[in-house]
């Protein structure tokens, strides 16, 4: 293979993973061929970031769906970062394996004509594809105050529709009059799969959504994610506490005494990040405790870790 001048070369690997059900159990196993985007150099990519919907906007969309008794669809684009145009010249070495002739033991090199999981510009190119489709084809508008949120018409009326977009997960909220036509078009364009009329409960961006249409209410939780966090820190069987922090507890920075072993900060930081995701999503009652303990993530002590375990 002859390489173009100035082209980039990256490696690749196969990544195993699993898809979870709303209750935290495994739905299916999956494998992806992922490029080593960390080996890309400036010139092999331009824009690399893309906006996504935030937790507050998701809760707003669910609130409006409950209040106006609207229909909801949940779609997942299984090949989100595959098939988008790649404007830069980029080559990739395929993973180690048993390759037949003419390669023998040598790993083949391929030229990427489309985006692939792992490369730096995949996020942006995919978002551009979806943005152009929603705005130009579906005729919706992008919100200027909430990234990843698209709308059209007047919500609650026959022409109203709302689409929160979080990478490859699309939720469509609207009336039954235009719902079927809107929901079917992403399926045809991006080979999306999911539920045009969502079951009860269903999962969206890691949240379990439970609906009671008779009361026009929607409840959200992250029970599956929280169970994973507790398992990760071996706190699944711990004694329950009634408050996120001890009443009257005032944390403060503690200077280690000479000869003291420094506390392993990485575990503390991992716990803070894991809990923060739940606090911003569905657990506002632990937000204060999480923010206070997060102040000591750079140099935590065993006292801070005890408070962290209390929060868990």
C-alpha atoms as a PDB file:
ATOM      1  CA  UNK A   1       0.000   0.000   0.000  1.00  0.00           C
ATOM      2  CA  UNK A   2       1.298   3.463  -0.869  1.00  0.00           C
ATOM      3  CA  UNK A   3       0.671   6.033   1.861  1.00  0.00           C
ATOM      4  CA  UNK A   4      -0.306   9.592   1.021  1.00  0.00           C
ATOM      5  CA  UNK A   5       2.110  12.287   2.111  1.00  0.00           C
ATOM      6  CA  UNK A   6       1.172  13.764   5.488  1.00  0.00           C
ATOM      7  CA  UNK A   7      -1.336  10.990   6.233  1.00  0.00           C
ATOM      8  CA  UNK A   8      -1.716   9.672   9.753  1.00  0.00           C
ATOM      9  CA  UNK A   9      -1.296   6.091  10.961  1.00  0.00           C
ATOM     10  CA  UNK A  10      -3.019   4.639  14.022  1.00  0.00           C
ATOM     11  CA  UNK A  11      -3.470   1.220  15.548  1.00  0.00           C
ATOM     12  CA  UNK A  12      -6.693  -0.554  16.483  1.00  0.00           C
ATOM     13  CA  UNK A  13      -8.121  -3.120  18.860  1.00  0.00           C
ATOM     14  CA  UNK A  14     -11.329  -4.992  19.580  1.00  0.00           C
ATOM     15  CA  UNK A  15     -13.236  -3.827  22.675  1.00  0.00           C
ATOM     16  CA  UNK A  16     -15.706  -6.095  24.457  1.00  0.00           C
ATOM     17  CA  UNK A  17     -18.687  -4.645  26.294  1.00  0.00           C
ATOM     18  CA  UNK A  18     -22.233  -5.242  27.435  1.00  0.00           C
ATOM     19  CA  UNK A  19     -25.601  -3.487  27.142  1.00  0.00           C
ATOM     20  CA  UNK A  20     -27.669  -3.288  30.328  1.00  0.00           C
ATOM     21  CA  UNK A  21     -31.398  -3.501  30.959  1.00  0.00           C
ATOM     22  CA  UNK A  22     -33.213  -0.818  33.055  1.00  0.00           C
ATOM     23  CA  UNK A  23     -32.820  -2.990  36.182  1.00  0.00           C
ATOM     24  CA  UNK A  24     -29.063  -3.296  35.711  1.00  0.00           C
ATOM     25  CA  UNK A  25     -28.999  -6.850  34.303  1.00  0.00           C
ATOM     26  CA  UNK A  26     -27.121  -7.639  31.095  1.00  0.00           C
ATOM     27  CA  UNK A  27     -29.183  -7.411  27.911  1.00  0.00           C
ATOM     28  CA  UNK A  28     -26.515  -8.509  25.437  1.00  0.00           C
ATOM     29  CA  UNK A  29     -22.785  -8.675  24.838  1.00  0.00           C
ATOM     30  CA  UNK A  30     -21.126  -6.713  22.054  1.00  0.00           C
ATOM     31  CA  UNK A  31     -17.739  -6.165  20.444  1.00  0.00           C
ATOM     32  CA  UNK A  32     -16.424  -3.164  18.520  1.00  0.00           C
ATOM     33  CA  UNK A  33     -13.394  -2.477  16.371  1.00  0.00           C
ATOM     34  CA  UNK A  34     -11.942   0.726  17.825  1.00  0.00           C
ATOM     35  CA  UNK A  35      -9.207   2.940  16.415  1.00  0.00           C
ATOM     36  CA  UNK A  36      -6.427   4.340  18.600  1.00  0.00           C
ATOM     37  CA  UNK A  37      -7.403   7.990  18.359  1.00  0.00           C
ATOM     38  CA  UNK A  38      -4.815   8.825  21.023  1.00  0.00           C
ATOM     39  CA  UNK A  39      -2.153   8.283  18.350  1.00  0.00           C
ATOM     40  CA  UNK A  40      -3.621  10.895  16.012  1.00  0.00           C
ATOM     41  CA  UNK A  41      -1.643  14.084  15.554  1.00  0.00           C
ATOM     42  CA  UNK A  42      -2.875  17.604  14.714  1.00  0.00           C
ATOM     43  CA  UNK A  43      -3.539  17.690  11.006  1.00  0.00           C
ATOM     44  CA  UNK A  44      -5.215  14.279  11.099  1.00  0.00           C
ATOM     45  CA  UNK A  45      -8.308  15.889  12.657  1.00  0.00           C
ATOM     46  CA  UNK A  46     -10.018  19.266  13.083  1.00  0.00           C
ATOM     47  CA  UNK A  47     -13.159  19.546  15.229  1.00  0.00           C
ATOM     48  CA  UNK A  48     -13.414  16.724  17.764  1.00  0.00           C
ATOM     49  CA  UNK A  49     -16.193  17.662  20.211  1.00  0.00           C
ATOM     50  CA  UNK A  50     -19.960  17.559  19.851  1.00  0.00           C
ATOM     51  CA  UNK A  51     -22.739  18.801  22.151  1.00  0.00           C
ATOM     52  CA  UNK A  52     -25.085  16.438  23.985  1.00  0.00           C
ATOM     53  CA  UNK A  53     -28.283  16.956  25.936  1.00  0.00           C
ATOM     54  CA  UNK A  54     -27.868  17.701  29.657  1.00  0.00           C
ATOM     55  CA  UNK A  55     -29.766  16.094  32.527  1.00  0.00           C
ATOM     56  CA  UNK A  56     -31.913  19.155  33.211  1.00  0.00           C
ATOM     57  CA  UNK A  57     -33.148  19.273  29.603  1.00  0.00           C
ATOM     58  CA  UNK A  58     -33.967  15.561  29.701  1.00  0.00           C
ATOM     59  CA  UNK A  59     -36.051  16.060  32.828  1.00  0.00           C
ATOM     60  CA  UNK A  60     -37.775  19.025  31.147  1.00  0.00           C
ATOM     61  CA  UNK A  61     -38.687  16.926  28.099  1.00  0.00           C
ATOM     62  CA  UNK A  62     -40.084  14.156  30.318  1.00  0.00           C
ATOM     63  CA  UNK A  63     -42.026  16.716  32.362  1.00  0.00           C
ATOM     64  CA  UNK A  64     -43.637  18.168  29.234  1.00  0.00           C
ATOM     65  CA  UNK A  65     -44.472  14.682  27.967  1.00  0.00           C
ATOM     66  CA  UNK A  66     -46.255  13.902  31.225  1.00  0.00           C
ATOM     67  CA  UNK A  67     -48.056  17.230  31.475  1.00  0.00           C
ATOM     68  CA  UNK A  68     -49.443  17.184  27.909  1.00  0.00           C
ATOM     69  CA  UNK A  69     -49.919  13.369  27.834  1.00  0.00           C
ATOM     70  CA  UNK A  70     -47.717  13.060  24.738  1.00  0.00           C
ATOM     71  CA  UNK A  71     -46.420   9.970  23.006  1.00  0.00           C
ATOM     72  CA  UNK A  72     -42.747   9.020  23.357  1.00  0.00           C
ATOM     73  CA  UNK A  73     -40.321   7.032  21.239  1.00  0.00           C
ATOM     74  CA  UNK A  74     -36.874   5.802  22.156  1.00  0.00           C
ATOM     75  CA  UNK A  75     -34.442   4.996  19.349  1.00  0.00           C
ATOM     76  CA  UNK A  76     -30.846   3.775  19.448  1.00  0.00           C
ATOM     77  CA  UNK A  77     -28.460   4.191  16.516  1.00  0.00           C
ATOM     78  CA  UNK A  78     -26.371   1.037  16.771  1.00  0.00           C
ATOM     79  CA  UNK A  79     -23.725   2.209  14.276  1.00  0.00           C
ATOM     80  CA  UNK A  80     -23.573   5.850  15.361  1.00  0.00           C
ATOM     81  CA  UNK A  81     -19.920   6.571  14.529  1.00  0.00           C
ATOM     82  CA  UNK A  82     -19.747   4.316  11.488  1.00  0.00           C
ATOM     83  CA  UNK A  83     -20.423   5.526   7.975  1.00  0.00           C
ATOM     84  CA  UNK A  84     -19.972   9.281   8.470  1.00  0.00           C
ATOM     85  CA  UNK A  85     -17.671  11.035   5.973  1.00  0.00           C
ATOM     86  CA  UNK A  86     -13.996  11.284   6.913  1.00  0.00           C
ATOM     87  CA  UNK A  87     -12.377  14.339   5.342  1.00  0.00           C
ATOM     88  CA  UNK A  88      -8.803  13.674   6.474  1.00  0.00           C
ATOM     89  CA  UNK A  89      -6.495  10.965   5.148  1.00  0.00           C
ATOM     90  CA  UNK A  90      -6.027   8.350   7.849  1.00  0.00           C
ATOM     91  CA  UNK A  91      -4.609   4.823   7.776  1.00  0.00           C
ATOM     92  CA  UNK A  92      -5.065   2.119  10.391  1.00  0.00           C
ATOM     93  CA  UNK A  93      -3.331  -1.128  11.318  1.00  0.00           C
ATOM     94  CA  UNK A  94      -5.818  -3.918  11.963  1.00  0.00           C
ATOM     95  CA  UNK A  95      -5.565  -5.882  15.251  1.00  0.00           C
ATOM     96  CA  UNK A  96      -3.322  -8.878  15.745  1.00  0.00           C
ATOM     97  CA  UNK A  97      -4.824 -12.094  14.477  1.00  0.00           C
ATOM     98  CA  UNK A  98      -4.635 -14.932  12.001  1.00  0.00           C
ATOM     99  CA  UNK A  99      -4.509 -13.164   8.653  1.00  0.00           C
ATOM    100  CA  UNK A 100      -4.525 -15.159   5.461  1.00  0.00           C
ATOM    101  CA  UNK A 101      -2.544 -14.569   2.287  1.00  0.00           C
ATOM    102  CA  UNK A 102      -1.068 -12.259   1.187  1.00  0.00           C
ATOM    103  CA  UNK A 103      -0.580 -10.845   4.675  1.00  0.00           C
ATOM    104  CA  UNK A 104       0.769 -13.848   6.528  1.00  0.00           C
ATOM    105  CA  UNK A 105       1.759 -12.831  10.044  1.00  0.00           C
ATOM    106  CA  UNK A 106       1.900  -9.113   9.225  1.00  0.00           C
ATOM    107  CA  UNK A 107      -1.030  -6.966  10.282  1.00  0.00           C
ATOM    108  CA  UNK A 108      -2.818  -5.459   7.275  1.00  0.00           C
ATOM    109  CA  UNK A 109      -3.033  -1.676   6.854  1.00  0.00           C
ATOM    110  CA  UNK A 110      -6.255  -0.116   5.649  1.00  0.00           C
ATOM    111  CA  UNK A 111      -7.297   3.373   4.591  1.00  0.00           C
ATOM    112  CA  UNK A 112     -10.326   4.736   6.436  1.00  0.00           C
ATOM    113  CA  UNK A 113     -12.894   6.247   4.089  1.00  0.00           C
ATOM    114  CA  UNK A 114     -15.499   6.631   6.842  1.00  0.00           C
ATOM    115  CA  UNK A 115     -15.366   7.376  10.561  1.00  0.00           C
ATOM    116  CA  UNK A 116     -14.763   4.659  13.124  1.00  0.00           C
ATOM    117  CA  UNK A 117     -15.185   4.321  16.880  1.00  0.00           C
ATOM    118  CA  UNK A 118     -12.215   5.756  18.735  1.00  0.00           C
ATOM    119  CA  UNK A 119     -10.907   8.293  16.228  1.00  0.00           C
ATOM    120  CA  UNK A 120     -10.962  11.886  17.412  1.00  0.00           C
ATOM    121  CA  UNK A 121     -13.277  13.437  14.814  1.00  0.00           C
ATOM    122  CA  UNK A 122     -15.914  10.668  14.918  1.00  0.00           C
ATOM    123  CA  UNK A 123     -18.058  12.524  17.490  1.00  0.00           C
ATOM    124  CA  UNK A 124     -18.205  15.724  15.503  1.00  0.00           C
ATOM    125  CA  UNK A 125     -18.799  14.117  12.090  1.00  0.00           C
ATOM    126  CA  UNK A 126     -21.636  12.020  13.510  1.00  0.00           C
ATOM    127  CA  UNK A 127     -23.274  15.021  15.168  1.00  0.00           C
ATOM    128  CA  UNK A 128     -23.080  16.972  11.902  1.00  0.00           C
ATOM    129  CA  UNK A 129     -24.879  14.128  10.108  1.00  0.00           C
ATOM    130  CA  UNK A 130     -27.665  13.946  12.709  1.00  0.00           C
ATOM    131  CA  UNK A 131     -27.953  17.748  13.001  1.00  0.00           C
ATOM    132  CA  UNK A 132     -28.358  18.169   9.226  1.00  0.00           C
ATOM    133  CA  UNK A 133     -30.965  15.400   9.144  1.00  0.00           C
ATOM    134  CA  UNK A 134     -33.070  16.793  12.010  1.00  0.00           C
ATOM    135  CA  UNK A 135     -32.888  20.409  10.821  1.00  0.00           C
ATOM    136  CA  UNK A 136     -32.930  20.041   7.028  1.00  0.00           C
ATOM    137  CA  UNK A 137     -34.986  16.871   6.556  1.00  0.00           C
ATOM    138  CA  UNK A 138     -37.333  16.918   9.546  1.00  0.00           C
ATOM    139  CA  UNK A 139     -37.537  20.714   9.536  1.00  0.00           C
ATOM    140  CA  UNK A 140     -36.969  21.198  13.270  1.00  0.00           C
ATOM    141  CA  UNK A 141     -35.027  23.926  15.073  1.00  0.00           C
ATOM    142  CA  UNK A 142     -32.036  23.549  17.360  1.00  0.00           C
ATOM    143  CA  UNK A 143     -32.382  25.077  20.800  1.00  0.00           C
ATOM    144  CA  UNK A 144     -29.935  27.917  21.474  1.00  0.00           C
ATOM    145  CA  UNK A 145     -30.076  27.413  25.243  1.00  0.00           C
ATOM    146  CA  UNK A 146     -29.821  23.606  25.473  1.00  0.00           C
ATOM    147  CA  UNK A 147     -27.344  21.730  23.277  1.00  0.00           C
ATOM    148  CA  UNK A 148     -28.717  18.561  21.746  1.00  0.00           C
ATOM    149  CA  UNK A 149     -32.354  19.661  22.022  1.00  0.00           C
ATOM    150  CA  UNK A 150     -34.492  20.098  18.881  1.00  0.00           C
ATOM    151  CA  UNK A 151     -38.100  21.265  18.643  1.00  0.00           C
ATOM    152  CA  UNK A 152     -40.821  22.144  16.179  1.00  0.00           C
ATOM    153  CA  UNK A 153     -44.334  23.601  16.347  1.00  0.00           C
ATOM    154  CA  UNK A 154     -46.172  24.118  19.633  1.00  0.00           C
ATOM    155  CA  UNK A 155     -45.788  21.252  22.061  1.00  0.00           C
ATOM    156  CA  UNK A 156     -49.179  19.893  23.071  1.00  0.00           C
ATOM    157  CA  UNK A 157     -50.730  20.799  19.715  1.00  0.00           C
ATOM    158  CA  UNK A 158     -50.912  18.613  16.617  1.00  0.00           C
ATOM    159  CA  UNK A 159     -47.699  20.027  15.105  1.00  0.00           C
ATOM    160  CA  UNK A 160     -45.573  19.970  18.280  1.00  0.00           C
ATOM    161  CA  UNK A 161     -42.513  17.730  18.585  1.00  0.00           C
ATOM    162  CA  UNK A 162     -39.463  17.657  20.866  1.00  0.00           C
ATOM    163  CA  UNK A 163     -36.288  15.621  20.273  1.00  0.00           C
ATOM    164  CA  UNK A 164     -33.554  15.329  22.950  1.00  0.00           C
ATOM    165  CA  UNK A 165     -30.380  13.832  21.442  1.00  0.00           C
ATOM    166  CA  UNK A 166     -27.669  12.166  23.520  1.00  0.00           C
ATOM    167  CA  UNK A 167     -25.038  10.800  21.122  1.00  0.00           C
ATOM    168  CA  UNK A 168     -26.666   7.610  19.733  1.00  0.00           C
ATOM    169  CA  UNK A 169     -29.803   7.696  21.910  1.00  0.00           C
ATOM    170  CA  UNK A 170     -32.748   9.653  20.518  1.00  0.00           C
ATOM    171  CA  UNK A 171     -36.015  10.345  22.316  1.00  0.00           C
ATOM    172  CA  UNK A 172     -38.982  11.758  20.395  1.00  0.00           C
ATOM    173  CA  UNK A 173     -41.859  13.474  22.209  1.00  0.00           C
ATOM    174  CA  UNK A 174     -44.990  14.557  20.326  1.00  0.00           C
ATOM    175  CA  UNK A 175     -48.649  14.041  19.557  1.00  0.00           C
ATOM    176  CA  UNK A 176     -50.002  10.859  18.018  1.00  0.00           C
ATOM    177  CA  UNK A 177     -51.019  12.728  14.829  1.00  0.00           C
ATOM    178  CA  UNK A 178     -47.496  13.215  13.448  1.00  0.00           C
ATOM    179  CA  UNK A 179     -45.693  10.835  15.773  1.00  0.00           C
ATOM    180  CA  UNK A 180     -45.471   7.783  13.552  1.00  0.00           C
ATOM    181  CA  UNK A 181     -44.142   9.686  10.545  1.00  0.00           C
ATOM    182  CA  UNK A 182     -41.490  11.514  12.573  1.00  0.00           C
ATOM    183  CA  UNK A 183     -40.349   8.429  14.474  1.00  0.00           C
ATOM    184  CA  UNK A 184     -40.014   6.213  11.401  1.00  0.00           C
ATOM    185  CA  UNK A 185     -37.686   8.515   9.464  1.00  0.00           C
ATOM    186  CA  UNK A 186     -34.615   8.218  11.743  1.00  0.00           C
ATOM    187  CA  UNK A 187     -35.121   4.446  11.599  1.00  0.00           C
ATOM    188  CA  UNK A 188     -34.873   4.502   7.817  1.00  0.00           C
ATOM    189  CA  UNK A 189     -31.998   7.018   7.643  1.00  0.00           C
ATOM    190  CA  UNK A 190     -29.710   5.711  10.404  1.00  0.00           C
ATOM    191  CA  UNK A 191     -30.943   2.118  10.737  1.00  0.00           C
ATOM    192  CA  UNK A 192     -32.015   2.980  14.268  1.00  0.00           C
ATOM    193  CA  UNK A 193     -33.770   0.411  16.420  1.00  0.00           C
ATOM    194  CA  UNK A 194     -35.913   0.809  19.488  1.00  0.00           C
ATOM    195  CA  UNK A 195     -39.480   1.444  20.541  1.00  0.00           C
ATOM    196  CA  UNK A 196     -41.717   3.822  18.603  1.00  0.00           C
ATOM    197  CA  UNK A 197     -44.160   3.641  21.486  1.00  0.00           C
ATOM    198  CA  UNK A 198     -42.039   3.096  24.584  1.00  0.00           C
ATOM    199  CA  UNK A 199     -42.773   0.293  27.041  1.00  0.00           C
ATOM    200  CA  UNK A 200     -43.161   0.886  30.765  1.00  0.00           C
ATOM    201  CA  UNK A 201     -40.557   1.216  32.139  1.00  0.00           C
ATOM    202  CA  UNK A 202     -37.885   2.035  29.568  1.00  0.00           C
ATOM    203  CA  UNK A 203     -34.279   3.190  29.783  1.00  0.00           C
ATOM    204  CA  UNK A 204     -32.811   6.420  28.439  1.00  0.00           C
ATOM    205  CA  UNK A 205     -29.169   7.520  28.984  1.00  0.00           C
ATOM    206  CA  UNK A 206     -28.867   5.218  31.975  1.00  0.00           C
ATOM    207  CA  UNK A 207     -32.094   6.360  33.639  1.00  0.00           C
ATOM    208  CA  UNK A 208     -35.094   4.125  34.200  1.00  0.00           C
ATOM    209  CA  UNK A 209     -38.243   5.980  33.196  1.00  0.00           C
ATOM    210  CA  UNK A 210     -41.558   4.806  34.670  1.00  0.00           C
ATOM    211  CA  UNK A 211     -44.795   6.403  33.492  1.00  0.00           C
ATOM    212  CA  UNK A 212     -48.309   6.572  34.922  1.00  0.00           C
ATOM    213  CA  UNK A 213     -50.479   8.085  32.201  1.00  0.00           C
ATOM    214  CA  UNK A 214     -53.612   8.012  34.351  1.00  0.00           C
ATOM    215  CA  UNK A 215     -51.939  10.444  36.779  1.00  0.00           C
ATOM    216  CA  UNK A 216     -49.901  12.206  34.079  1.00  0.00           C
ATOM    217  CA  UNK A 217     -46.710  11.545  35.976  1.00  0.00           C
ATOM    218  CA  UNK A 218     -43.254  10.235  35.120  1.00  0.00           C
ATOM    219  CA  UNK A 219     -40.720   8.928  37.652  1.00  0.00           C
ATOM    220  CA  UNK A 220     -37.000   8.537  36.938  1.00  0.00           C
ATOM    221  CA  UNK A 221     -34.264   6.669  38.800  1.00  0.00           C
ATOM    222  CA  UNK A 222     -30.800   5.211  38.235  1.00  0.00           C
ATOM    223  CA  UNK A 223     -31.144   2.121  40.383  1.00  0.00           C
ATOM    224  CA  UNK A 224     -29.166  -0.073  37.970  1.00  0.00           C
ATOM    225  CA  UNK A 225     -26.275   2.393  37.845  1.00  0.00           C
ATOM    226  CA  UNK A 226     -26.266   2.917  41.611  1.00  0.00           C
ATOM    227  CA  UNK A 227     -26.096  -0.835  42.211  1.00  0.00           C
ATOM    228  CA  UNK A 228     -23.064  -0.964  39.914  1.00  0.00           C
ATOM    229  CA  UNK A 229     -21.364   1.828  41.865  1.00  0.00           C
ATOM    230  CA  UNK A 230     -21.995   0.097  45.196  1.00  0.00           C
ATOM    231  CA  UNK A 231     -20.661  -3.183  43.806  1.00  0.00           C
ATOM    232  CA  UNK A 232     -17.554  -1.410  42.504  1.00  0.00           C
ATOM    233  CA  UNK A 233     -16.685  -0.089  45.974  1.00  0.00           C
ATOM    234  CA  UNK A 234     -17.831  -3.241  47.810  1.00  0.00           C
ATOM    235  CA  UNK A 235     -20.634  -1.387  49.581  1.00  0.00           C
ATOM    236  CA  UNK A 236     -23.612  -3.432  48.385  1.00  0.00           C
ATOM    237  CA  UNK A 237     -24.207  -5.011  51.784  1.00  0.00           C
ATOM    238  CA  UNK A 238     -23.397  -1.978  53.905  1.00  0.00           C
ATOM    239  CA  UNK A 239     -25.666  -0.676  56.650  1.00  0.00           C
ATOM    240  CA  UNK A 240     -28.042   2.006  55.375  1.00  0.00           C
ATOM    241  CA  UNK A 241     -27.847   5.610  56.552  1.00  0.00           C
ATOM    242  CA  UNK A 242     -30.728   8.065  56.698  1.00  0.00           C
ATOM    243  CA  UNK A 243     -28.738  11.154  55.659  1.00  0.00           C
ATOM    244  CA  UNK A 244     -26.001  11.670  53.023  1.00  0.00           C
ATOM    245  CA  UNK A 245     -23.676  13.160  55.682  1.00  0.00           C
ATOM    246  CA  UNK A 246     -23.442  12.974  59.454  1.00  0.00           C
ATOM    247  CA  UNK A 247     -25.557  15.707  61.056  1.00  0.00           C
ATOM    248  CA  UNK A 248     -23.261  18.568  62.013  1.00  0.00           C
ATOM    249  CA  UNK A 249     -20.292  17.082  60.140  1.00  0.00           C
ATOM    250  CA  UNK A 250     -17.907  19.792  58.896  1.00  0.00           C
ATOM    251  CA  UNK A 251     -15.157  18.379  56.671  1.00  0.00           C
ATOM    252  CA  UNK A 252     -11.845  20.186  56.423  1.00  0.00           C
ATOM    253  CA  UNK A 253      -8.454  19.650  54.911  1.00  0.00           C
ATOM    254  CA  UNK A 254      -6.204  17.479  57.046  1.00  0.00           C
ATOM    255  CA  UNK A 255      -2.425  17.766  56.823  1.00  0.00           C
ATOM    256  CA  UNK A 256      -0.746  14.349  57.083  1.00  0.00           C
ATOM    257  CA  UNK A 257       1.531  13.827  60.054  1.00  0.00           C
ATOM    258  CA  UNK A 258       5.187  12.879  59.483  1.00  0.00           C
ATOM    259  CA  UNK A 259       5.381   9.166  58.784  1.00  0.00           C
ATOM    260  CA  UNK A 260       1.701   8.834  57.816  1.00  0.00           C
ATOM    261  CA  UNK A 261       0.982   6.809  54.704  1.00  0.00           C
ATOM    262  CA  UNK A 262      -0.730   9.001  52.047  1.00  0.00           C
ATOM    263  CA  UNK A 263      -4.279   7.971  51.259  1.00  0.00           C
ATOM    264  CA  UNK A 264      -4.808   6.547  47.780  1.00  0.00           C
ATOM    265  CA  UNK A 265      -6.523   9.478  46.060  1.00  0.00           C
ATOM    266  CA  UNK A 266      -7.507   7.674  42.871  1.00  0.00           C
ATOM    267  CA  UNK A 267     -10.199   5.557  44.535  1.00  0.00           C
ATOM    268  CA  UNK A 268     -11.604   8.659  46.219  1.00  0.00           C
ATOM    269  CA  UNK A 269     -11.701  10.557  42.928  1.00  0.00           C
ATOM    270  CA  UNK A 270     -13.344   7.607  41.184  1.00  0.00           C
ATOM    271  CA  UNK A 271     -16.036   7.487  43.873  1.00  0.00           C
ATOM    272  CA  UNK A 272     -16.672  11.230  43.592  1.00  0.00           C
ATOM    273  CA  UNK A 273     -17.059  11.030  39.812  1.00  0.00           C
ATOM    274  CA  UNK A 274     -19.363   8.013  40.012  1.00  0.00           C
ATOM    275  CA  UNK A 275     -21.622   9.591  42.623  1.00  0.00           C
ATOM    276  CA  UNK A 276     -21.650  12.971  40.872  1.00  0.00           C
ATOM    277  CA  UNK A 277     -23.246  11.409  37.776  1.00  0.00           C
ATOM    278  CA  UNK A 278     -26.156  10.154  39.889  1.00  0.00           C
ATOM    279  CA  UNK A 279     -26.422  13.461  41.785  1.00  0.00           C
ATOM    280  CA  UNK A 280     -26.766  15.438  38.559  1.00  0.00           C
ATOM    281  CA  UNK A 281     -29.176  12.914  37.076  1.00  0.00           C
ATOM    282  CA  UNK A 282     -31.782  11.698  39.547  1.00  0.00           C
ATOM    283  CA  UNK A 283     -30.445  12.186  43.100  1.00  0.00           C
ATOM    284  CA  UNK A 284     -30.449  15.918  43.931  1.00  0.00           C
ATOM    285  CA  UNK A 285     -30.609  15.069  47.649  1.00  0.00           C
ATOM    286  CA  UNK A 286     -26.923  14.052  47.627  1.00  0.00           C
ATOM    287  CA  UNK A 287     -25.690  17.033  45.597  1.00  0.00           C
ATOM    288  CA  UNK A 288     -24.494  19.059  48.599  1.00  0.00           C
ATOM    289  CA  UNK A 289     -22.631  16.150  50.185  1.00  0.00           C
ATOM    290  CA  UNK A 290     -21.023  15.260  46.861  1.00  0.00           C
ATOM    291  CA  UNK A 291     -19.890  18.834  46.205  1.00  0.00           C
ATOM    292  CA  UNK A 292     -18.441  19.216  49.720  1.00  0.00           C
ATOM    293  CA  UNK A 293     -16.480  15.965  49.571  1.00  0.00           C
ATOM    294  CA  UNK A 294     -15.323  16.804  46.061  1.00  0.00           C
ATOM    295  CA  UNK A 295     -13.320  19.748  47.419  1.00  0.00           C
ATOM    296  CA  UNK A 296     -10.790  17.323  48.906  1.00  0.00           C
ATOM    297  CA  UNK A 297     -10.325  15.070  45.873  1.00  0.00           C
ATOM    298  CA  UNK A 298      -6.760  16.327  45.292  1.00  0.00           C
ATOM    299  CA  UNK A 299      -5.504  15.215  48.724  1.00  0.00           C
ATOM    300  CA  UNK A 300      -8.104  13.178  50.628  1.00  0.00           C
ATOM    301  CA  UNK A 301      -7.525  11.580  53.999  1.00  0.00           C
ATOM    302  CA  UNK A 302      -8.988   8.535  55.707  1.00  0.00           C
ATOM    303  CA  UNK A 303     -11.460  10.875  57.427  1.00  0.00           C
ATOM    304  CA  UNK A 304     -12.756  12.030  54.046  1.00  0.00           C
ATOM    305  CA  UNK A 305     -12.942   8.435  52.852  1.00  0.00           C
ATOM    306  CA  UNK A 306     -15.061   7.518  55.873  1.00  0.00           C
ATOM    307  CA  UNK A 307     -17.446  10.345  54.957  1.00  0.00           C
ATOM    308  CA  UNK A 308     -17.460   9.018  51.382  1.00  0.00           C
ATOM    309  CA  UNK A 309     -18.426   5.549  52.587  1.00  0.00           C
ATOM    310  CA  UNK A 310     -21.200   7.141  54.645  1.00  0.00           C
ATOM    311  CA  UNK A 311     -22.514   8.757  51.458  1.00  0.00           C
ATOM    312  CA  UNK A 312     -22.351   5.433  49.612  1.00  0.00           C
END
